[in-house]
Every structure is written in C-alpha cells, then in structure tokens.
C-alpha atoms as a PDB file:
ATOM      1  CA  UNK A   1     -47.144  10.195 -72.139  1.00  0.00           C
ATOM      2  CA  UNK A   2     -44.947   8.007 -70.226  1.00  0.00           C
ATOM      3  CA  UNK A   3     -41.714   8.909 -68.706  1.00  0.00           C
ATOM      4  CA  UNK A   4     -38.468   7.686 -70.446  1.00  0.00           C
ATOM      5  CA  UNK A   5     -35.743   6.931 -69.147  1.00  0.00           C
ATOM      6  CA  UNK A   6     -32.293   9.129 -71.290  1.00  0.00           C
ATOM      7  CA  UNK A   7     -28.730   7.619 -71.019  1.00  0.00           C
ATOM      8  CA  UNK A   8     -26.227  10.004 -69.386  1.00  0.00           C
ATOM      9  CA  UNK A   9     -23.850   9.303 -71.922  1.00  0.00           C
ATOM     10  CA  UNK A  10     -25.740   9.947 -74.753  1.00  0.00           C
ATOM     11  CA  UNK A  11     -26.129  13.781 -73.256  1.00  0.00           C
ATOM     12  CA  UNK A  12     -23.615  16.815 -73.832  1.00  0.00           C
ATOM     13  CA  UNK A  13     -21.501  17.346 -71.049  1.00  0.00           C
ATOM     14  CA  UNK A  14     -23.001  20.992 -70.968  1.00  0.00           C
ATOM     15  CA  UNK A  15     -26.381  19.534 -70.994  1.00  0.00           C
ATOM     16  CA  UNK A  16     -26.131  16.702 -67.888  1.00  0.00           C
ATOM     17  CA  UNK A  17     -24.332  19.222 -65.932  1.00  0.00           C
ATOM     18  CA  UNK A  18     -27.068  20.795 -66.372  1.00  0.00           C
ATOM     19  CA  UNK A  19     -29.292  18.319 -65.564  1.00  0.00           C
ATOM     20  CA  UNK A  20     -27.723  17.377 -62.469  1.00  0.00           C
ATOM     21  CA  UNK A  21     -27.258  20.608 -61.033  1.00  0.00           C
ATOM     22  CA  UNK A  22     -31.337  21.816 -61.546  1.00  0.00           C
ATOM     23  CA  UNK A  23     -31.948  18.268 -59.870  1.00  0.00           C
ATOM     24  CA  UNK A  24     -29.688  18.772 -56.449  1.00  0.00           C
ATOM     25  CA  UNK A  25     -30.919  22.068 -56.134  1.00  0.00           C
ATOM     26  CA  UNK A  26     -34.501  21.995 -57.061  1.00  0.00           C
ATOM     27  CA  UNK A  27     -35.614  22.039 -53.670  1.00  0.00           C
ATOM     28  CA  UNK A  28     -33.090  24.528 -52.678  1.00  0.00           C
ATOM     29  CA  UNK A  29     -31.234  23.520 -49.876  1.00  0.00           C
ATOM     30  CA  UNK A  30     -28.549  21.130 -48.585  1.00  0.00           C
ATOM     31  CA  UNK A  31     -30.434  19.564 -45.327  1.00  0.00           C
ATOM     32  CA  UNK A  32     -27.108  17.533 -44.293  1.00  0.00           C
ATOM     33  CA  UNK A  33     -25.506  18.490 -40.988  1.00  0.00           C
ATOM     34  CA  UNK A  34     -22.314  19.735 -42.761  1.00  0.00           C
ATOM     35  CA  UNK A  35     -23.099  21.715 -45.691  1.00  0.00           C
ATOM     36  CA  UNK A  36     -21.476  20.241 -49.256  1.00  0.00           C
ATOM     37  CA  UNK A  37     -20.210  21.774 -51.977  1.00  0.00           C
ATOM     38  CA  UNK A  38     -22.229  21.893 -55.356  1.00  0.00           C
ATOM     39  CA  UNK A  39     -19.102  21.068 -56.680  1.00  0.00           C
ATOM     40  CA  UNK A  40     -18.254  17.955 -54.779  1.00  0.00           C
ATOM     41  CA  UNK A  41     -22.270  16.359 -54.546  1.00  0.00           C
ATOM     42  CA  UNK A  42     -21.971  17.136 -58.765  1.00  0.00           C
ATOM     43  CA  UNK A  43     -19.100  14.916 -58.892  1.00  0.00           C
ATOM     44  CA  UNK A  44     -20.492  12.614 -56.796  1.00  0.00           C
ATOM     45  CA  UNK A  45     -23.484  12.245 -59.085  1.00  0.00           C
ATOM     46  CA  UNK A  46     -21.361  11.500 -62.273  1.00  0.00           C
ATOM     47  CA  UNK A  47     -20.002   8.713 -60.655  1.00  0.00           C
ATOM     48  CA  UNK A  48     -23.220   7.272 -60.097  1.00  0.00           C
ATOM     49  CA  UNK A  49     -24.337   8.248 -63.165  1.00  0.00           C
ATOM     50  CA  UNK A  50     -20.557   5.991 -64.808  1.00  0.00           C
ATOM     51  CA  UNK A  51     -21.331   3.700 -62.635  1.00  0.00           C
ATOM     52  CA  UNK A  52     -24.938   3.093 -63.296  1.00  0.00           C
ATOM     53  CA  UNK A  53     -25.672   2.727 -59.749  1.00  0.00           C
ATOM     54  CA  UNK A  54     -28.132   6.074 -60.752  1.00  0.00           C
ATOM     55  CA  UNK A  55     -30.604   7.144 -63.523  1.00  0.00           C
ATOM     56  CA  UNK A  56     -31.677   9.776 -65.755  1.00  0.00           C
ATOM     57  CA  UNK A  57     -35.215   9.741 -65.901  1.00  0.00           C
ATOM     58  CA  UNK A  58     -37.435  12.435 -67.983  1.00  0.00           C
ATOM     59  CA  UNK A  59     -41.132  12.784 -67.356  1.00  0.00           C
ATOM     60  CA  UNK A  60     -42.985  15.203 -70.744  1.00  0.00           C
ATOM     61  CA  UNK A  61     -45.945  15.923 -68.868  1.00  0.00           C
ATOM     62  CA  UNK A  62     -43.997  17.904 -66.380  1.00  0.00           C
ATOM     63  CA  UNK A  63     -40.763  18.420 -68.795  1.00  0.00           C
ATOM     64  CA  UNK A  64     -38.230  17.775 -65.745  1.00  0.00           C
ATOM     65  CA  UNK A  65     -35.856  14.985 -65.277  1.00  0.00           C
ATOM     66  CA  UNK A  66     -35.118  13.548 -62.368  1.00  0.00           C
ATOM     67  CA  UNK A  67     -32.132  10.517 -60.726  1.00  0.00           C
ATOM     68  CA  UNK A  68     -33.252   7.537 -59.522  1.00  0.00           C
ATOM     69  CA  UNK A  69     -31.258   4.879 -58.072  1.00  0.00           C
ATOM     70  CA  UNK A  70     -31.585   1.681 -60.356  1.00  0.00           C
ATOM     71  CA  UNK A  71     -33.038  -0.198 -57.792  1.00  0.00           C
ATOM     72  CA  UNK A  72     -35.860   2.006 -57.577  1.00  0.00           C
ATOM     73  CA  UNK A  73     -39.656  -0.089 -58.467  1.00  0.00           C
ATOM     74  CA  UNK A  74     -40.897   2.379 -60.323  1.00  0.00           C
ATOM     75  CA  UNK A  75     -38.194   2.192 -62.546  1.00  0.00           C
ATOM     76  CA  UNK A  76     -38.901  -1.022 -63.014  1.00  0.00           C
ATOM     77  CA  UNK A  77     -42.650  -0.463 -64.893  1.00  0.00           C
ATOM     78  CA  UNK A  78     -40.610   1.791 -67.322  1.00  0.00           C
ATOM     79  CA  UNK A  79     -38.903  -1.643 -68.150  1.00  0.00           C
ATOM     80  CA  UNK A  80     -42.068  -3.934 -68.239  1.00  0.00           C
ATOM     81  CA  UNK A  81     -46.261  -3.984 -70.651  1.00  0.00           C
ATOM     82  CA  UNK A  82     -47.204  -2.756 -66.569  1.00  0.00           C
ATOM     83  CA  UNK A  83     -48.914   0.702 -66.227  1.00  0.00           C
ATOM     84  CA  UNK A  84     -46.473   3.483 -65.215  1.00  0.00           C
ATOM     85  CA  UNK A  85     -46.871   5.251 -62.192  1.00  0.00           C
ATOM     86  CA  UNK A  86     -46.330   8.243 -64.891  1.00  0.00           C
ATOM     87  CA  UNK A  87     -48.822   7.632 -67.388  1.00  0.00           C
END
C-alpha cells in the first residue's frame, strides 16, 4: 500500500504532538553543536507544519509517520501517477 499525506490539522493536538515527538526522538540523540530542548524543537516543527513547509506522511507498511520538507521529490510521487518509492 502506498504512503499517504496526513493533514496536520486533521490530527488531535495530542496525536500531532506524539507524531512530532516520536519523529524528533527517533534516533535518540540531537547531534547539533548546541543541544536544543525538545520543547523548542517541537515548537519549530509545529511552525513549519502550520506554514506548509513540512508535511506528515504515513507509511502503512511500517506503521510510521515521517516528516518531509514540502519540496522533497518523494512527495511529488504521492501527487502523481508515477510509481511510488513506498510501493
């Protein structure tokens, strides 16, 4: 089954926060020069989602959500008839 975009405003606040926090902590470590608190990073992602700069994609095969930059070429495949990288 192909991945699907999930409109962030269709998720409950609790579900949205869970998706964002899980994505941000998925690798377990912040590798920046200066550690940024999780709350700050969550707020930044919320701002990017609200502005449309970032979109949520759900992959039914792995049962996970991933955040993508709106210009990511993989997203264009979701909007076209082209074979999906997620199929």
